[in-house]
Amino acid sequence: MTRVTVRFAGGLELLVGGRKRVDVHLPPAPSATAVGVGGGGAPPPPPAPAPAVVGDLIAHVRAEVITERHDAFATAADAGVRPGILVLINDVDWELEGTTAAALADGDVVSFISTLHGG
């Protein structure tokens, strides 16, 4: 399990019941099964699970954390967030880390900040 702290700001906290911070536990992503090599030896050990990625986190947050207006955060069709939502991984823009494919480590902090405000 990967433990991630998720922060919401810029109005997104309204989608999660007013909470500004939520701790999430993500299971590791499934990995391919290793195929044994002939020769009568012991089978190879199972591969290590792939790390959870930001796309997994977004899907989890949309399904399990958001309490209303799920489509205001992300669509069900893909793992990306809606335009106008800034995503930071440990205070670094996710565009520099690989967007939805960015690997997450235990203890990471992912911030979702809406940059769209009414006036």
PDB file of N, CA and C in Angstrom:
ATOM      1  N   MET A   1       0.836  -1.189   0.000  1.00  0.00           N
ATOM      2  CA  MET A   1       0.000   0.000   0.000  1.00  0.00           C
ATOM      3  C   MET A   1       0.878   1.249   0.000  1.00  0.00           C
ATOM      4  N   THR A   2       0.460   2.214  -0.769  1.00  0.00           N
ATOM      5  CA  THR A   2       1.148   3.497  -0.814  1.00  0.00           C
ATOM      6  C   THR A   2       0.279   4.523  -0.097  1.00  0.00           C
ATOM      7  N   ARG A   3       0.835   5.138   0.928  1.00  0.00           N
ATOM      8  CA  ARG A   3       0.110   6.150   1.698  1.00  0.00           C
ATOM      9  C   ARG A   3       0.417   7.515   1.101  1.00  0.00           C
ATOM     10  N   VAL A   4      -0.636   8.224   0.688  1.00  0.00           N
ATOM     11  CA  VAL A   4      -0.492   9.533   0.052  1.00  0.00           C
ATOM     12  C   VAL A   4      -1.394  10.524   0.769  1.00  0.00           C
ATOM     13  N   THR A   5      -0.880  11.716   1.038  1.00  0.00           N
ATOM     14  CA  THR A   5      -1.703  12.799   1.564  1.00  0.00           C
ATOM     15  C   THR A   5      -2.184  13.622   0.384  1.00  0.00           C
ATOM     16  N   VAL A   6      -3.489  13.821   0.313  1.00  0.00           N
ATOM     17  CA  VAL A   6      -4.086  14.586  -0.782  1.00  0.00           C
ATOM     18  C   VAL A   6      -4.616  15.888  -0.205  1.00  0.00           C
ATOM     19  N   ARG A   7      -4.240  17.001  -0.832  1.00  0.00           N
ATOM     20  CA  ARG A   7      -4.710  18.324  -0.400  1.00  0.00           C
ATOM     21  C   ARG A   7      -5.597  18.918  -1.484  1.00  0.00           C
ATOM     22  N   PHE A   8      -6.632  19.630  -1.052  1.00  0.00           N
ATOM     23  CA  PHE A   8      -7.568  20.289  -1.959  1.00  0.00           C
ATOM     24  C   PHE A   8      -7.599  21.776  -1.633  1.00  0.00           C
ATOM     25  N   ALA A   9      -7.572  22.633  -2.675  1.00  0.00           N
ATOM     26  CA  ALA A   9      -7.599  24.080  -2.463  1.00  0.00           C
ATOM     27  C   ALA A   9      -8.267  24.762  -3.649  1.00  0.00           C
ATOM     28  N   GLY A  10      -8.519  26.051  -3.495  1.00  0.00           N
ATOM     29  CA  GLY A  10      -9.097  26.848  -4.568  1.00  0.00           C
ATOM     30  C   GLY A  10     -10.561  26.549  -4.831  1.00  0.00           C
ATOM     31  N   GLY A  11     -11.236  25.977  -3.854  1.00  0.00           N
ATOM     32  CA  GLY A  11     -12.646  25.638  -4.011  1.00  0.00           C
ATOM     33  C   GLY A  11     -12.895  24.147  -4.169  1.00  0.00           C
ATOM     34  N   LEU A  12     -11.878  23.365  -4.474  1.00  0.00           N
ATOM     35  CA  LEU A  12     -12.068  21.920  -4.628  1.00  0.00           C
ATOM     36  C   LEU A  12     -12.439  21.241  -3.318  1.00  0.00           C
ATOM     37  N   GLU A  13     -12.097  21.876  -2.203  1.00  0.00           N
ATOM     38  CA  GLU A  13     -12.466  21.291  -0.910  1.00  0.00           C
ATOM     39  C   GLU A  13     -13.983  21.179  -0.753  1.00  0.00           C
ATOM     40  N   LEU A  14     -14.735  21.982  -1.518  1.00  0.00           N
ATOM     41  CA  LEU A  14     -16.199  21.888  -1.472  1.00  0.00           C
ATOM     42  C   LEU A  14     -16.694  20.562  -2.036  1.00  0.00           C
ATOM     43  N   LEU A  15     -15.891  19.924  -2.878  1.00  0.00           N
ATOM     44  CA  LEU A  15     -16.276  18.636  -3.462  1.00  0.00           C
ATOM     45  C   LEU A  15     -16.036  17.471  -2.513  1.00  0.00           C
ATOM     46  N   VAL A  16     -15.305  17.727  -1.430  1.00  0.00           N
ATOM     47  CA  VAL A  16     -14.976  16.665  -0.473  1.00  0.00           C
ATOM     48  C   VAL A  16     -15.472  17.013   0.930  1.00  0.00           C
ATOM     49  N   GLY A  17     -16.611  17.660   0.996  1.00  0.00           N
ATOM     50  CA  GLY A  17     -17.213  17.971   2.286  1.00  0.00           C
ATOM     51  C   GLY A  17     -16.458  18.992   3.100  1.00  0.00           C
ATOM     52  N   GLY A  18     -15.731  19.898   2.442  1.00  0.00           N
ATOM     53  CA  GLY A  18     -15.018  20.960   3.147  1.00  0.00           C
ATOM     54  C   GLY A  18     -13.650  20.558   3.666  1.00  0.00           C
ATOM     55  N   ARG A  19     -13.251  19.325   3.445  1.00  0.00           N
ATOM     56  CA  ARG A  19     -11.933  18.881   3.928  1.00  0.00           C
ATOM     57  C   ARG A  19     -10.835  19.433   3.020  1.00  0.00           C
ATOM     58  N   LYS A  20      -9.773  19.896   3.631  1.00  0.00           N
ATOM     59  CA  LYS A  20      -8.634  20.403   2.868  1.00  0.00           C
ATOM     60  C   LYS A  20      -7.545  19.348   2.721  1.00  0.00           C
ATOM     61  N   ARG A  21      -7.628  18.291   3.514  1.00  0.00           N
ATOM     62  CA  ARG A  21      -6.603  17.245   3.492  1.00  0.00           C
ATOM     63  C   ARG A  21      -7.262  15.890   3.735  1.00  0.00           C
ATOM     64  N   VAL A  22      -6.842  14.909   2.939  1.00  0.00           N
ATOM     65  CA  VAL A  22      -7.343  13.544   3.074  1.00  0.00           C
ATOM     66  C   VAL A  22      -6.153  12.602   2.929  1.00  0.00           C
ATOM     67  N   ASP A  23      -6.047  11.626   3.828  1.00  0.00           N
ATOM     68  CA  ASP A  23      -5.009  10.602   3.704  1.00  0.00           C
ATOM     69  C   ASP A  23      -5.600   9.416   2.955  1.00  0.00           C
ATOM     70  N   VAL A  24      -4.890   8.949   1.936  1.00  0.00           N
ATOM     71  CA  VAL A  24      -5.369   7.882   1.063  1.00  0.00           C
ATOM     72  C   VAL A  24      -4.349   6.752   1.066  1.00  0.00           C
ATOM     73  N   HIS A  25      -4.838   5.516   1.048  1.00  0.00           N
ATOM     74  CA  HIS A  25      -3.979   4.340   0.911  1.00  0.00           C
ATOM     75  C   HIS A  25      -4.298   3.686  -0.422  1.00  0.00           C
ATOM     76  N   LEU A  26      -3.308   3.659  -1.319  1.00  0.00           N
ATOM     77  CA  LEU A  26      -3.487   3.080  -2.649  1.00  0.00           C
ATOM     78  C   LEU A  26      -2.821   1.715  -2.716  1.00  0.00           C
ATOM     79  N   PRO A  27      -3.516   0.716  -3.261  1.00  0.00           N
ATOM     80  CA  PRO A  27      -2.855  -0.575  -3.465  1.00  0.00           C
ATOM     81  C   PRO A  27      -1.850  -0.462  -4.603  1.00  0.00           C
ATOM     82  N   PRO A  28      -0.825  -1.307  -4.606  1.00  0.00           N
ATOM     83  CA  PRO A  28       0.118  -1.265  -5.726  1.00  0.00           C
ATOM     84  C   PRO A  28      -0.585  -1.656  -7.017  1.00  0.00           C
ATOM     85  N   ALA A  29      -0.091  -1.130  -8.106  1.00  0.00           N
ATOM     86  CA  ALA A  29      -0.662  -1.470  -9.408  1.00  0.00           C
ATOM     87  C   ALA A  29      -0.304  -2.913  -9.737  1.00  0.00           C
ATOM     88  N   PRO A  30      -1.208  -3.636 -10.400  1.00  0.00           N
ATOM     89  CA  PRO A  30      -0.866  -5.014 -10.770  1.00  0.00           C
ATOM     90  C   PRO A  30       0.285  -5.022 -11.765  1.00  0.00           C
ATOM     91  N   SER A  31       1.102  -6.067 -11.693  1.00  0.00           N
ATOM     92  CA  SER A  31       2.222  -6.175 -12.628  1.00  0.00           C
ATOM     93  C   SER A  31       2.097  -7.471 -13.403  1.00  0.00           C
ATOM     94  N   ALA A  32       2.843  -7.555 -14.471  1.00  0.00           N
ATOM     95  CA  ALA A  32       2.795  -8.750 -15.307  1.00  0.00           C
ATOM     96  C   ALA A  32       3.382  -9.941 -14.560  1.00  0.00           C
ATOM     97  N   THR A  33       2.857 -11.117 -14.831  1.00  0.00           N
ATOM     98  CA  THR A  33       3.351 -12.332 -14.202  1.00  0.00           C
ATOM     99  C   THR A  33       4.583 -12.814 -14.952  1.00  0.00           C
ATOM    100  N   ALA A  34       5.606 -13.168 -14.206  1.00  0.00           N
ATOM    101  CA  ALA A  34       6.832 -13.660 -14.828  1.00  0.00           C
ATOM    102  C   ALA A  34       6.594 -15.061 -15.379  1.00  0.00           C
ATOM    103  N   VAL A  35       7.231 -15.335 -16.487  1.00  0.00           N
ATOM    104  CA  VAL A  35       7.134 -16.653 -17.098  1.00  0.00           C
ATOM    105  C   VAL A  35       8.399 -17.409 -16.747  1.00  0.00           C
ATOM    106  N   GLY A  36       8.248 -18.640 -16.240  1.00  0.00           N
ATOM    107  CA  GLY A  36       9.401 -19.442 -15.845  1.00  0.00           C
ATOM    108  C   GLY A  36      10.233 -19.846 -17.050  1.00  0.00           C
ATOM    109  N   VAL A  37      11.512 -20.030 -16.816  1.00  0.00           N
ATOM    110  CA  VAL A  37      12.428 -20.460 -17.861  1.00  0.00           C
ATOM    111  C   VAL A  37      12.663 -21.947 -17.663  1.00  0.00           C
ATOM    112  N   GLY A  38      12.703 -22.707 -18.751  1.00  0.00           N
ATOM    113  CA  GLY A  38      12.907 -24.151 -18.659  1.00  0.00           C
ATOM    114  C   GLY A  38      14.231 -24.481 -17.996  1.00  0.00           C
ATOM    115  N   GLY A  39      14.428 -25.752 -17.699  1.00  0.00           N
ATOM    116  CA  GLY A  39      15.692 -26.162 -17.102  1.00  0.00           C
ATOM    117  C   GLY A  39      15.493 -26.851 -15.777  1.00  0.00           C
ATOM    118  N   GLY A  40      14.262 -26.980 -15.316  1.00  0.00           N
ATOM    119  CA  GLY A  40      14.002 -27.725 -14.100  1.00  0.00           C
ATOM    120  C   GLY A  40      14.347 -26.995 -12.822  1.00  0.00           C
ATOM    121  N   GLY A  41      14.811 -25.784 -12.903  1.00  0.00           N
ATOM    122  CA  GLY A  41      15.134 -25.027 -11.699  1.00  0.00           C
ATOM    123  C   GLY A  41      13.874 -24.499 -11.036  1.00  0.00           C
ATOM    124  N   ALA A  42      14.056 -23.874  -9.916  1.00  0.00           N
ATOM    125  CA  ALA A  42      12.926 -23.275  -9.203  1.00  0.00           C
ATOM    126  C   ALA A  42      12.350 -22.143 -10.040  1.00  0.00           C
ATOM    127  N   PRO A  43      11.054 -21.957  -9.950  1.00  0.00           N
ATOM    128  CA  PRO A  43      10.459 -20.844 -10.707  1.00  0.00           C
ATOM    129  C   PRO A  43      10.996 -19.517 -10.186  1.00  0.00           C
ATOM    130  N   PRO A  44      11.045 -18.532 -11.057  1.00  0.00           N
ATOM    131  CA  PRO A  44      11.542 -17.219 -10.614  1.00  0.00           C
ATOM    132  C   PRO A  44      10.580 -16.619  -9.596  1.00  0.00           C
ATOM    133  N   PRO A  45      11.098 -15.763  -8.729  1.00  0.00           N
ATOM    134  CA  PRO A  45      10.202 -15.118  -7.757  1.00  0.00           C
ATOM    135  C   PRO A  45       9.209 -14.224  -8.489  1.00  0.00           C
ATOM    136  N   PRO A  46       8.053 -14.012  -7.879  1.00  0.00           N
ATOM    137  CA  PRO A  46       7.078 -13.130  -8.536  1.00  0.00           C
ATOM    138  C   PRO A  46       7.648 -11.721  -8.654  1.00  0.00           C
ATOM    139  N   PRO A  47       7.269 -11.015  -9.711  1.00  0.00           N
ATOM    140  CA  PRO A  47       7.788  -9.652  -9.880  1.00  0.00           C
ATOM    141  C   PRO A  47       7.244  -8.732  -8.794  1.00  0.00           C
ATOM    142  N   ALA A  48       8.028  -7.727  -8.482  1.00  0.00           N
ATOM    143  CA  ALA A  48       7.567  -6.732  -7.508  1.00  0.00           C
ATOM    144  C   ALA A  48       6.405  -5.961  -8.118  1.00  0.00           C
ATOM    145  N   PRO A  49       5.417  -5.611  -7.307  1.00  0.00           N
ATOM    146  CA  PRO A  49       4.296  -4.845  -7.863  1.00  0.00           C
ATOM    147  C   PRO A  49       4.761  -3.482  -8.359  1.00  0.00           C
ATOM    148  N   ALA A  50       4.111  -3.028  -9.397  1.00  0.00           N
ATOM    149  CA  ALA A  50       4.417  -1.703  -9.934  1.00  0.00           C
ATOM    150  C   ALA A  50       3.936  -0.649  -8.939  1.00  0.00           C
ATOM    151  N   PRO A  51       4.641   0.477  -8.841  1.00  0.00           N
ATOM    152  CA  PRO A  51       4.186   1.513  -7.910  1.00  0.00           C
ATOM    153  C   PRO A  51       2.869   2.127  -8.380  1.00  0.00           C
ATOM    154  N   ALA A  52       2.110   2.620  -7.438  1.00  0.00           N
ATOM    155  CA  ALA A  52       0.890   3.353  -7.782  1.00  0.00           C
ATOM    156  C   ALA A  52       1.300   4.626  -8.511  1.00  0.00           C
ATOM    157  N   VAL A  53       0.457   5.067  -9.423  1.00  0.00           N
ATOM    158  CA  VAL A  53       0.741   6.281 -10.192  1.00  0.00           C
ATOM    159  C   VAL A  53      -0.363   7.303  -9.955  1.00  0.00           C
ATOM    160  N   VAL A  54      -0.123   8.538 -10.376  1.00  0.00           N
ATOM    161  CA  VAL A  54      -1.083   9.619 -10.154  1.00  0.00           C
ATOM    162  C   VAL A  54      -2.435   9.306 -10.803  1.00  0.00           C
ATOM    163  N   GLY A  55      -2.427   8.652 -11.957  1.00  0.00           N
ATOM    164  CA  GLY A  55      -3.691   8.268 -12.582  1.00  0.00           C
ATOM    165  C   GLY A  55      -4.525   7.380 -11.675  1.00  0.00           C
ATOM    166  N   ASP A  56      -3.865   6.455 -10.946  1.00  0.00           N
ATOM    167  CA  ASP A  56      -4.570   5.607  -9.981  1.00  0.00           C
ATOM    168  C   ASP A  56      -5.163   6.461  -8.864  1.00  0.00           C
ATOM    169  N   LEU A  57      -4.381   7.433  -8.398  1.00  0.00           N
ATOM    170  CA  LEU A  57      -4.850   8.312  -7.325  1.00  0.00           C
ATOM    171  C   LEU A  57      -6.064   9.116  -7.768  1.00  0.00           C
ATOM    172  N   ILE A  58      -6.022   9.676  -8.971  1.00  0.00           N
ATOM    173  CA  ILE A  58      -7.143  10.477  -9.467  1.00  0.00           C
ATOM    174  C   ILE A  58      -8.404   9.624  -9.550  1.00  0.00           C
ATOM    175  N   ALA A  59      -8.276   8.408 -10.082  1.00  0.00           N
ATOM    176  CA  ALA A  59      -9.433   7.516 -10.175  1.00  0.00           C
ATOM    177  C   ALA A  59      -9.971   7.180  -8.789  1.00  0.00           C
ATOM    178  N   HIS A  60      -9.075   6.928  -7.836  1.00  0.00           N
ATOM    179  CA  HIS A  60      -9.497   6.610  -6.470  1.00  0.00           C
ATOM    180  C   HIS A  60     -10.192   7.807  -5.818  1.00  0.00           C
ATOM    181  N   VAL A  61      -9.600   8.981  -5.961  1.00  0.00           N
ATOM    182  CA  VAL A  61     -10.199  10.185  -5.368  1.00  0.00           C
ATOM    183  C   VAL A  61     -11.578  10.437  -5.965  1.00  0.00           C
ATOM    184  N   ARG A  62     -11.704  10.311  -7.278  1.00  0.00           N
ATOM    185  CA  ARG A  62     -12.996  10.543  -7.933  1.00  0.00           C
ATOM    186  C   ARG A  62     -14.041   9.555  -7.434  1.00  0.00           C
ATOM    187  N   ALA A  63     -13.658   8.292  -7.282  1.00  0.00           N
ATOM    188  CA  ALA A  63     -14.614   7.250  -6.898  1.00  0.00           C
ATOM    189  C   ALA A  63     -14.894   7.204  -5.399  1.00  0.00           C
ATOM    190  N   GLU A  64     -13.879   7.467  -4.573  1.00  0.00           N
ATOM    191  CA  GLU A  64     -14.012   7.215  -3.140  1.00  0.00           C
ATOM    192  C   GLU A  64     -13.980   8.447  -2.240  1.00  0.00           C
ATOM    193  N   VAL A  65     -13.417   9.550  -2.710  1.00  0.00           N
ATOM    194  CA  VAL A  65     -13.227  10.715  -1.835  1.00  0.00           C
ATOM    195  C   VAL A  65     -14.187  11.848  -2.180  1.00  0.00           C
ATOM    196  N   ILE A  66     -14.352  12.142  -3.462  1.00  0.00           N
ATOM    197  CA  ILE A  66     -15.257  13.214  -3.894  1.00  0.00           C
ATOM    198  C   ILE A  66     -16.675  12.838  -3.479  1.00  0.00           C
ATOM    199  N   THR A  67     -17.374  13.760  -2.847  1.00  0.00           N
ATOM    200  CA  THR A  67     -18.725  13.466  -2.361  1.00  0.00           C
ATOM    201  C   THR A  67     -19.822  14.052  -3.237  1.00  0.00           C
ATOM    202  N   GLU A  68     -19.484  14.993  -4.103  1.00  0.00           N
ATOM    203  CA  GLU A  68     -20.492  15.588  -4.986  1.00  0.00           C
ATOM    204  C   GLU A  68     -19.825  16.140  -6.236  1.00  0.00           C
ATOM    205  N   ARG A  69     -20.618  16.238  -7.302  1.00  0.00           N
ATOM    206  CA  ARG A  69     -20.146  16.790  -8.578  1.00  0.00           C
ATOM    207  C   ARG A  69     -18.825  16.152  -9.021  1.00  0.00           C
ATOM    208  N   HIS A  70     -18.813  14.838  -9.108  1.00  0.00           N
ATOM    209  CA  HIS A  70     -17.609  14.091  -9.469  1.00  0.00           C
ATOM    210  C   HIS A  70     -16.981  14.586 -10.771  1.00  0.00           C
ATOM    211  N   ASP A  71     -17.819  14.950 -11.741  1.00  0.00           N
ATOM    212  CA  ASP A  71     -17.295  15.400 -13.031  1.00  0.00           C
ATOM    213  C   ASP A  71     -16.640  16.773 -12.959  1.00  0.00           C
ATOM    214  N   ALA A  72     -16.820  17.509 -11.876  1.00  0.00           N
ATOM    215  CA  ALA A  72     -16.136  18.792 -11.720  1.00  0.00           C
ATOM    216  C   ALA A  72     -14.657  18.578 -11.379  1.00  0.00           C
ATOM    217  N   PHE A  73     -14.313  17.366 -10.968  1.00  0.00           N
ATOM    218  CA  PHE A  73     -12.927  17.033 -10.624  1.00  0.00           C
ATOM    219  C   PHE A  73     -12.240  16.295 -11.775  1.00  0.00           C
ATOM    220  N   ALA A  74     -12.845  15.219 -12.230  1.00  0.00           N
ATOM    221  CA  ALA A  74     -12.264  14.407 -13.308  1.00  0.00           C
ATOM    222  C   ALA A  74     -13.377  13.634 -13.990  1.00  0.00           C
ATOM    223  N   THR A  75     -13.144  13.283 -15.238  1.00  0.00           N
ATOM    224  CA  THR A  75     -14.125  12.471 -15.947  1.00  0.00           C
ATOM    225  C   THR A  75     -13.834  11.000 -15.694  1.00  0.00           C
ATOM    226  N   ALA A  76     -14.849  10.186 -15.841  1.00  0.00           N
ATOM    227  CA  ALA A  76     -14.666   8.751 -15.651  1.00  0.00           C
ATOM    228  C   ALA A  76     -13.923   8.125 -16.822  1.00  0.00           C
ATOM    229  N   ALA A  77     -13.899   8.798 -17.960  1.00  0.00           N
ATOM    230  CA  ALA A  77     -13.337   8.215 -19.182  1.00  0.00           C
ATOM    231  C   ALA A  77     -11.813   8.124 -19.172  1.00  0.00           C
ATOM    232  N   ASP A  78     -11.152   9.015 -18.466  1.00  0.00           N
ATOM    233  CA  ASP A  78      -9.691   8.970 -18.451  1.00  0.00           C
ATOM    234  C   ASP A  78      -9.193   9.283 -17.052  1.00  0.00           C
ATOM    235  N   ALA A  79      -7.898   9.246 -16.875  1.00  0.00           N
ATOM    236  CA  ALA A  79      -7.322   9.443 -15.545  1.00  0.00           C
ATOM    237  C   ALA A  79      -6.904  10.878 -15.291  1.00  0.00           C
ATOM    238  N   GLY A  80      -7.235  11.788 -16.193  1.00  0.00           N
ATOM    239  CA  GLY A  80      -6.825  13.171 -16.023  1.00  0.00           C
ATOM    240  C   GLY A  80      -7.847  13.994 -15.265  1.00  0.00           C
ATOM    241  N   VAL A  81      -7.392  15.110 -14.736  1.00  0.00           N
ATOM    242  CA  VAL A  81      -8.298  16.031 -14.057  1.00  0.00           C
ATOM    243  C   VAL A  81      -8.846  17.027 -15.074  1.00  0.00           C
ATOM    244  N   ARG A  82      -9.876  17.734 -14.672  1.00  0.00           N
ATOM    245  CA  ARG A  82     -10.476  18.746 -15.541  1.00  0.00           C
ATOM    246  C   ARG A  82      -9.489  19.887 -15.789  1.00  0.00           C
ATOM    247  N   PRO A  83      -9.600  20.540 -16.948  1.00  0.00           N
ATOM    248  CA  PRO A  83      -8.779  21.733 -17.188  1.00  0.00           C
ATOM    249  C   PRO A  83      -9.035  22.767 -16.087  1.00  0.00           C
ATOM    250  N   GLY A  84      -7.999  23.468 -15.696  1.00  0.00           N
ATOM    251  CA  GLY A  84      -8.127  24.477 -14.647  1.00  0.00           C
ATOM    252  C   GLY A  84      -7.773  23.961 -13.270  1.00  0.00           C
ATOM    253  N   ILE A  85      -7.380  22.683 -13.175  1.00  0.00           N
ATOM    254  CA  ILE A  85      -6.948  22.129 -11.894  1.00  0.00           C
ATOM    255  C   ILE A  85      -5.442  21.903 -11.962  1.00  0.00           C
ATOM    256  N   LEU A  86      -4.727  22.597 -11.098  1.00  0.00           N
ATOM    257  CA  LEU A  86      -3.281  22.454 -10.991  1.00  0.00           C
ATOM    258  C   LEU A  86      -2.991  21.255 -10.092  1.00  0.00           C
ATOM    259  N   VAL A  87      -2.091  20.387 -10.527  1.00  0.00           N
ATOM    260  CA  VAL A  87      -1.715  19.213  -9.739  1.00  0.00           C
ATOM    261  C   VAL A  87      -0.241  19.339  -9.376  1.00  0.00           C
ATOM    262  N   LEU A  88       0.043  19.245  -8.093  1.00  0.00           N
ATOM    263  CA  LEU A  88       1.415  19.299  -7.597  1.00  0.00           C
ATOM    264  C   LEU A  88       1.731  18.002  -6.865  1.00  0.00           C
ATOM    265  N   ILE A  89       2.901  17.447  -7.137  1.00  0.00           N
ATOM    266  CA  ILE A  89       3.385  16.266  -6.426  1.00  0.00           C
ATOM    267  C   ILE A  89       4.569  16.723  -5.595  1.00  0.00           C
ATOM    268  N   ASN A  90       4.399  16.725  -4.285  1.00  0.00           N
ATOM    269  CA  ASN A  90       5.440  17.243  -3.385  1.00  0.00           C
ATOM    270  C   ASN A  90       5.873  18.642  -3.807  1.00  0.00           C
ATOM    271  N   ASP A  91       4.891  19.490  -4.113  1.00  0.00           N
ATOM    272  CA  ASP A  91       5.074  20.891  -4.500  1.00  0.00           C
ATOM    273  C   ASP A  91       5.776  21.083  -5.843  1.00  0.00           C
ATOM    274  N   VAL A  92       5.780  20.048  -6.688  1.00  0.00           N
ATOM    275  CA  VAL A  92       6.350  20.136  -8.038  1.00  0.00           C
ATOM    276  C   VAL A  92       5.227  19.883  -9.037  1.00  0.00           C
ATOM    277  N   ASP A  93       5.151  20.716 -10.081  1.00  0.00           N
ATOM    278  CA  ASP A  93       4.120  20.569 -11.105  1.00  0.00           C
ATOM    279  C   ASP A  93       4.175  19.165 -11.700  1.00  0.00           C
ATOM    280  N   TRP A  94       3.026  18.515 -11.766  1.00  0.00           N
ATOM    281  CA  TRP A  94       2.992  17.138 -12.265  1.00  0.00           C
ATOM    282  C   TRP A  94       3.418  17.021 -13.718  1.00  0.00           C
ATOM    283  N   GLU A  95       3.371  18.114 -14.473  1.00  0.00           N
ATOM    284  CA  GLU A  95       3.834  18.099 -15.862  1.00  0.00           C
ATOM    285  C   GLU A  95       5.323  17.740 -15.921  1.00  0.00           C
ATOM    286  N   LEU A  96       6.077  18.103 -14.898  1.00  0.00           N
ATOM    287  CA  LEU A  96       7.506  17.792 -14.845  1.00  0.00           C
ATOM    288  C   LEU A  96       7.772  16.367 -14.372  1.00  0.00           C
ATOM    289  N   GLU A  97       6.772  15.743 -13.778  1.00  0.00           N
ATOM    290  CA  GLU A  97       6.937  14.411 -13.198  1.00  0.00           C
ATOM    291  C   GLU A  97       6.357  13.293 -14.061  1.00  0.00           C
ATOM    292  N   GLY A  98       5.582  13.650 -15.105  1.00  0.00           N
ATOM    293  CA  GLY A  98       5.013  12.616 -15.966  1.00  0.00           C
ATOM    294  C   GLY A  98       3.500  12.555 -15.944  1.00  0.00           C
ATOM    295  N   THR A  99       2.838  13.567 -15.447  1.00  0.00           N
ATOM    296  CA  THR A  99       1.369  13.679 -15.334  1.00  0.00           C
ATOM    297  C   THR A  99       0.781  12.407 -14.727  1.00  0.00           C
ATOM    298  N   THR A 100      -0.164  11.766 -15.409  1.00  0.00           N
ATOM    299  CA  THR A 100      -0.870  10.627 -14.811  1.00  0.00           C
ATOM    300  C   THR A 100       0.022   9.407 -14.623  1.00  0.00           C
ATOM    301  N   ALA A 101       1.153   9.340 -15.319  1.00  0.00           N
ATOM    302  CA  ALA A 101       2.064   8.194 -15.205  1.00  0.00           C
ATOM    303  C   ALA A 101       3.113   8.383 -14.115  1.00  0.00           C
ATOM    304  N   ALA A 102       3.104   9.518 -13.420  1.00  0.00           N
ATOM    305  CA  ALA A 102       4.100   9.773 -12.376  1.00  0.00           C
ATOM    306  C   ALA A 102       3.919   8.784 -11.227  1.00  0.00           C
ATOM    307  N   ALA A 103       5.001   8.107 -10.869  1.00  0.00           N
ATOM    308  CA  ALA A 103       4.957   7.133  -9.780  1.00  0.00           C
ATOM    309  C   ALA A 103       4.825   7.850  -8.440  1.00  0.00           C
ATOM    310  N   LEU A 104       4.081   7.231  -7.541  1.00  0.00           N
ATOM    311  CA  LEU A 104       3.901   7.776  -6.196  1.00  0.00           C
ATOM    312  C   LEU A 104       4.645   6.905  -5.192  1.00  0.00           C
ATOM    313  N   ALA A 105       5.256   7.542  -4.212  1.00  0.00           N
ATOM    314  CA  ALA A 105       5.957   6.836  -3.148  1.00  0.00           C
ATOM    315  C   ALA A 105       5.214   7.054  -1.838  1.00  0.00           C
ATOM    316  N   ASP A 106       5.434   6.145  -0.911  1.00  0.00           N
ATOM    317  CA  ASP A 106       4.813   6.257   0.399  1.00  0.00           C
ATOM    318  C   ASP A 106       5.182   7.597   1.027  1.00  0.00           C
ATOM    319  N   GLY A 107       4.187   8.341   1.491  1.00  0.00           N
ATOM    320  CA  GLY A 107       4.416   9.626   2.135  1.00  0.00           C
ATOM    321  C   GLY A 107       4.342  10.828   1.216  1.00  0.00           C
ATOM    322  N   ASP A 108       4.138  10.618  -0.082  1.00  0.00           N
ATOM    323  CA  ASP A 108       4.023  11.745  -1.010  1.00  0.00           C
ATOM    324  C   ASP A 108       2.808  12.603  -0.670  1.00  0.00           C
ATOM    325  N   VAL A 109       2.887  13.872  -1.054  1.00  0.00           N
ATOM    326  CA  VAL A 109       1.778  14.812  -0.898  1.00  0.00           C
ATOM    327  C   VAL A 109       1.382  15.279  -2.295  1.00  0.00           C
ATOM    328  N   VAL A 110       0.116  15.065  -2.646  1.00  0.00           N
ATOM    329  CA  VAL A 110      -0.396  15.491  -3.944  1.00  0.00           C
ATOM    330  C   VAL A 110      -1.455  16.555  -3.688  1.00  0.00           C
ATOM    331  N   SER A 111      -1.269  17.717  -4.303  1.00  0.00           N
ATOM    332  CA  SER A 111      -2.197  18.836  -4.130  1.00  0.00           C
ATOM    333  C   SER A 111      -2.978  19.059  -5.411  1.00  0.00           C
ATOM    334  N   PHE A 112      -4.286  19.247  -5.258  1.00  0.00           N
ATOM    335  CA  PHE A 112      -5.169  19.607  -6.362  1.00  0.00           C
ATOM    336  C   PHE A 112      -5.687  21.009  -6.066  1.00  0.00           C
ATOM    337  N   ILE A 113      -5.392  21.958  -6.952  1.00  0.00           N
ATOM    338  CA  ILE A 113      -5.741  23.359  -6.720  1.00  0.00           C
ATOM    339  C   ILE A 113      -6.507  23.883  -7.919  1.00  0.00           C
ATOM    340  N   SER A 114      -7.723  24.339  -7.692  1.00  0.00           N
ATOM    341  CA  SER A 114      -8.498  24.928  -8.779  1.00  0.00           C
ATOM    342  C   SER A 114      -7.959  26.317  -9.065  1.00  0.00           C
ATOM    343  N   THR A 115      -7.728  26.584 -10.344  1.00  0.00           N
ATOM    344  CA  THR A 115      -7.255  27.912 -10.740  1.00  0.00           C
ATOM    345  C   THR A 115      -8.394  28.737 -11.322  1.00  0.00           C
ATOM    346  N   LEU A 116      -9.600  28.176 -11.339  1.00  0.00           N
ATOM    347  CA  LEU A 116     -10.768  28.874 -11.882  1.00  0.00           C
ATOM    348  C   LEU A 116     -11.600  29.420 -10.733  1.00  0.00           C
ATOM    349  N   HIS A 117     -11.826  30.708 -10.750  1.00  0.00           N
ATOM    350  CA  HIS A 117     -12.595  31.341  -9.682  1.00  0.00           C
ATOM    351  C   HIS A 117     -13.623  32.271 -10.300  1.00  0.00           C
ATOM    352  N   GLY A 118     -14.795  32.281  -9.725  1.00  0.00           N
ATOM    353  CA  GLY A 118     -15.833  33.199 -10.203  1.00  0.00           C
ATOM    354  C   GLY A 118     -15.549  34.613  -9.743  1.00  0.00           C
ATOM    355  N   GLY A 119     -16.250  35.535 -10.310  1.00  0.00           N
ATOM    356  CA  GLY A 119     -15.978  36.908  -9.910  1.00  0.00           C
ATOM    357  C   GLY A 119     -17.134  37.817 -10.104  1.00  0.00           C
TER     358      GLY A 119
END
